[in-house]
Amino acid sequence: MMRIGEKIRILREIKGISTKDMSSELGMTQAGYLKIERDEVDINTEKVEKISNKLGVKPHELFMDEKFVYNHQTNSIYGANNNFTFPEDMKKLYEDKIELLVNRIQKMERKLRKMGVPEEDI
């Protein structure tokens, strides 16, 4: 089951909202807000309502045990009974990170081959 803080963090990142903006919206410090995302503190009803409004979901949806699904063809996120568009700059960031990791894997595989590691072990 996804914890509420984790769900808030994921939705915030998907929406492209900074922790600074979220903490400002809630009238608290960034450090205090980050404790919410790490599930280190309980949050009251007022904060749940403010967070859900900022994230564009209904308050009860933050407590539902649902997974988020990214549809690459439509560039949309589905989950918590909601559908919203994934920000292009965030999509590019993830694509760049994936490309970097793929390149690292390929480099490591080449090194292993040079070291004589059998192909089935790579």
C-alpha atoms as a PDB file:
ATOM      1  CA  MET A   1       0.000   0.000   0.000  1.00  0.00           C
ATOM      2  CA  MET A   2       1.371   3.390  -0.979  1.00  0.00           C
ATOM      3  CA  ARG A   3       1.770   5.732   1.999  1.00  0.00           C
ATOM      4  CA  ILE A   4       0.047   9.133   1.823  1.00  0.00           C
ATOM      5  CA  GLY A   5       3.334  11.057   1.946  1.00  0.00           C
ATOM      6  CA  GLU A   6       4.737   9.013  -0.912  1.00  0.00           C
ATOM      7  CA  LYS A   7       1.582   9.576  -2.938  1.00  0.00           C
ATOM      8  CA  ILE A   8       1.745  13.332  -2.260  1.00  0.00           C
ATOM      9  CA  ARG A   9       5.399  13.437  -3.358  1.00  0.00           C
ATOM     10  CA  ILE A  10       4.696  11.530  -6.578  1.00  0.00           C
ATOM     11  CA  LEU A  11       1.720  13.716  -7.470  1.00  0.00           C
ATOM     12  CA  ARG A  12       3.692  16.876  -6.664  1.00  0.00           C
ATOM     13  CA  GLU A  13       6.598  15.790  -8.884  1.00  0.00           C
ATOM     14  CA  ILE A  14       4.269  14.788 -11.708  1.00  0.00           C
ATOM     15  CA  LYS A  15       2.518  18.145 -11.525  1.00  0.00           C
ATOM     16  CA  GLY A  16       5.889  19.928 -11.522  1.00  0.00           C
ATOM     17  CA  ILE A  17       5.238  21.670  -8.199  1.00  0.00           C
ATOM     18  CA  SER A  18       8.250  22.477  -6.025  1.00  0.00           C
ATOM     19  CA  THR A  19       8.476  21.694  -2.323  1.00  0.00           C
ATOM     20  CA  LYS A  20       8.902  25.443  -1.819  1.00  0.00           C
ATOM     21  CA  ASP A  21       5.519  26.116  -3.476  1.00  0.00           C
ATOM     22  CA  MET A  22       3.831  23.360  -1.477  1.00  0.00           C
ATOM     23  CA  SER A  23       5.258  24.540   1.843  1.00  0.00           C
ATOM     24  CA  SER A  24       4.250  28.116   1.039  1.00  0.00           C
ATOM     25  CA  GLU A  25       0.713  26.981   0.189  1.00  0.00           C
ATOM     26  CA  LEU A  26       0.516  25.239   3.560  1.00  0.00           C
ATOM     27  CA  GLY A  27       2.101  28.102   5.500  1.00  0.00           C
ATOM     28  CA  MET A  28       4.991  26.005   6.761  1.00  0.00           C
ATOM     29  CA  THR A  29       8.718  25.554   6.255  1.00  0.00           C
ATOM     30  CA  GLN A  30      10.112  23.327   3.501  1.00  0.00           C
ATOM     31  CA  ALA A  31      11.656  21.095   6.176  1.00  0.00           C
ATOM     32  CA  GLY A  32       8.254  20.723   7.818  1.00  0.00           C
ATOM     33  CA  TYR A  33       6.579  19.972   4.503  1.00  0.00           C
ATOM     34  CA  LEU A  34       9.201  17.350   3.628  1.00  0.00           C
ATOM     35  CA  LYS A  35       8.327  15.541   6.875  1.00  0.00           C
ATOM     36  CA  ILE A  36       4.820  15.121   5.432  1.00  0.00           C
ATOM     37  CA  GLU A  37       6.217  13.560   2.243  1.00  0.00           C
ATOM     38  CA  ARG A  38       8.415  11.231   4.312  1.00  0.00           C
ATOM     39  CA  ASP A  39       5.416  10.259   6.485  1.00  0.00           C
ATOM     40  CA  GLU A  40       7.238  11.439   9.604  1.00  0.00           C
ATOM     41  CA  VAL A  41       4.255  13.467  10.858  1.00  0.00           C
ATOM     42  CA  ASP A  42       0.491  13.186  10.837  1.00  0.00           C
ATOM     43  CA  ILE A  43      -1.377  15.803   8.831  1.00  0.00           C
ATOM     44  CA  ASN A  44      -4.636  17.402   9.845  1.00  0.00           C
ATOM     45  CA  THR A  45      -7.766  17.734   7.718  1.00  0.00           C
ATOM     46  CA  GLU A  46      -7.019  21.350   6.794  1.00  0.00           C
ATOM     47  CA  LYS A  47      -3.599  20.432   5.383  1.00  0.00           C
ATOM     48  CA  VAL A  48      -5.034  17.432   3.517  1.00  0.00           C
ATOM     49  CA  GLU A  49      -7.572  19.749   1.864  1.00  0.00           C
ATOM     50  CA  LYS A  50      -4.931  22.341   0.920  1.00  0.00           C
ATOM     51  CA  ILE A  51      -2.583  19.661  -0.442  1.00  0.00           C
ATOM     52  CA  SER A  52      -5.310  17.952  -2.463  1.00  0.00           C
ATOM     53  CA  ASN A  53      -6.468  21.297  -3.905  1.00  0.00           C
ATOM     54  CA  LYS A  54      -2.911  22.190  -4.951  1.00  0.00           C
ATOM     55  CA  LEU A  55      -2.437  18.735  -6.513  1.00  0.00           C
ATOM     56  CA  GLY A  56      -5.828  18.753  -8.245  1.00  0.00           C
ATOM     57  CA  VAL A  57      -7.239  15.658  -6.551  1.00  0.00           C
ATOM     58  CA  LYS A  58     -10.047  15.078  -4.068  1.00  0.00           C
ATOM     59  CA  PRO A  59      -8.905  14.777  -0.430  1.00  0.00           C
ATOM     60  CA  HIS A  60     -10.110  11.178  -0.054  1.00  0.00           C
ATOM     61  CA  GLU A  61      -8.132  10.141  -3.141  1.00  0.00           C
ATOM     62  CA  LEU A  62      -4.883  10.716  -1.239  1.00  0.00           C
ATOM     63  CA  PHE A  63      -5.876   7.859   1.079  1.00  0.00           C
ATOM     64  CA  MET A  64      -6.939   5.399  -1.618  1.00  0.00           C
ATOM     65  CA  ASP A  65      -4.617   2.490  -2.347  1.00  0.00           C
ATOM     66  CA  GLU A  66      -4.156   2.975  -6.063  1.00  0.00           C
ATOM     67  CA  LYS A  67      -1.194   2.848  -8.344  1.00  0.00           C
ATOM     68  CA  PHE A  68      -0.432   5.512 -10.901  1.00  0.00           C
ATOM     69  CA  VAL A  69      -0.095   4.462 -14.520  1.00  0.00           C
ATOM     70  CA  TYR A  70       1.734   6.505 -17.148  1.00  0.00           C
ATOM     71  CA  ASN A  71       0.408   6.253 -20.709  1.00  0.00           C
ATOM     72  CA  HIS A  72       3.368   7.167 -22.923  1.00  0.00           C
ATOM     73  CA  GLN A  73       1.233   7.547 -26.064  1.00  0.00           C
ATOM     74  CA  THR A  74      -1.166  10.061 -24.548  1.00  0.00           C
ATOM     75  CA  ASN A  75       1.410  11.564 -22.157  1.00  0.00           C
ATOM     76  CA  SER A  76      -1.070  11.177 -19.289  1.00  0.00           C
ATOM     77  CA  ILE A  77      -1.019   9.854 -15.757  1.00  0.00           C
ATOM     78  CA  TYR A  78      -3.965   7.797 -14.541  1.00  0.00           C
ATOM     79  CA  GLY A  79      -4.622   7.072 -10.915  1.00  0.00           C
ATOM     80  CA  ALA A  80      -6.576   8.161  -7.886  1.00  0.00           C
ATOM     81  CA  ASN A  81      -9.628   8.453 -10.179  1.00  0.00           C
ATOM     82  CA  ASN A  82      -7.895  11.309 -11.941  1.00  0.00           C
ATOM     83  CA  ASN A  83      -6.287  11.938 -15.313  1.00  0.00           C
ATOM     84  CA  PHE A  84      -3.775  14.682 -15.911  1.00  0.00           C
ATOM     85  CA  THR A  85      -1.025  15.494 -18.380  1.00  0.00           C
ATOM     86  CA  PHE A  86       2.582  14.758 -17.503  1.00  0.00           C
ATOM     87  CA  PRO A  87       4.660  17.978 -17.839  1.00  0.00           C
ATOM     88  CA  GLU A  88       6.882  17.881 -20.934  1.00  0.00           C
ATOM     89  CA  ASP A  89       9.985  19.065 -19.074  1.00  0.00           C
ATOM     90  CA  MET A  90       9.581  16.322 -16.479  1.00  0.00           C
ATOM     91  CA  LYS A  91       9.038  13.750 -19.238  1.00  0.00           C
ATOM     92  CA  LYS A  92      12.267  14.924 -20.905  1.00  0.00           C
ATOM     93  CA  LEU A  93      14.108  14.705 -17.583  1.00  0.00           C
ATOM     94  CA  TYR A  94      13.039  11.075 -17.087  1.00  0.00           C
ATOM     95  CA  GLU A  95      13.841  10.171 -20.700  1.00  0.00           C
ATOM     96  CA  ASP A  96      17.331  11.689 -20.308  1.00  0.00           C
ATOM     97  CA  LYS A  97      17.857   9.749 -17.075  1.00  0.00           C
ATOM     98  CA  ILE A  98      16.782   6.507 -18.751  1.00  0.00           C
ATOM     99  CA  GLU A  99      19.157   7.137 -21.649  1.00  0.00           C
ATOM    100  CA  LEU A 100      22.007   7.804 -19.212  1.00  0.00           C
ATOM    101  CA  LEU A 101      21.316   4.565 -17.346  1.00  0.00           C
ATOM    102  CA  VAL A 102      21.081   2.545 -20.570  1.00  0.00           C
ATOM    103  CA  ASN A 103      24.454   3.952 -21.656  1.00  0.00           C
ATOM    104  CA  ARG A 104      25.980   3.051 -18.278  1.00  0.00           C
ATOM    105  CA  ILE A 105      24.664  -0.512 -18.545  1.00  0.00           C
ATOM    106  CA  GLN A 106      26.059  -0.883 -22.058  1.00  0.00           C
ATOM    107  CA  LYS A 107      29.449   0.450 -20.919  1.00  0.00           C
ATOM    108  CA  MET A 108      29.541  -2.007 -18.013  1.00  0.00           C
ATOM    109  CA  GLU A 109      28.589  -4.874 -20.321  1.00  0.00           C
ATOM    110  CA  ARG A 110      31.496  -3.970 -22.649  1.00  0.00           C
ATOM    111  CA  LYS A 111      33.890  -3.915 -19.680  1.00  0.00           C
ATOM    112  CA  LEU A 112      32.654  -7.319 -18.522  1.00  0.00           C
ATOM    113  CA  ARG A 113      33.158  -8.774 -22.012  1.00  0.00           C
ATOM    114  CA  LYS A 114      36.724  -7.404 -22.129  1.00  0.00           C
ATOM    115  CA  MET A 115      37.358  -9.061 -18.769  1.00  0.00           C
ATOM    116  CA  GLY A 116      36.268 -12.381 -20.295  1.00  0.00           C
ATOM    117  CA  VAL A 117      33.018 -12.812 -18.401  1.00  0.00           C
ATOM    118  CA  PRO A 118      30.856 -15.391 -20.219  1.00  0.00           C
ATOM    119  CA  GLU A 119      27.971 -13.843 -22.212  1.00  0.00           C
ATOM    120  CA  GLU A 120      25.333 -15.773 -20.252  1.00  0.00           C
ATOM    121  CA  ASP A 121      26.582 -14.140 -17.016  1.00  0.00           C
ATOM    122  CA  ILE A 122      26.285 -10.589 -18.367  1.00  0.00           C
END
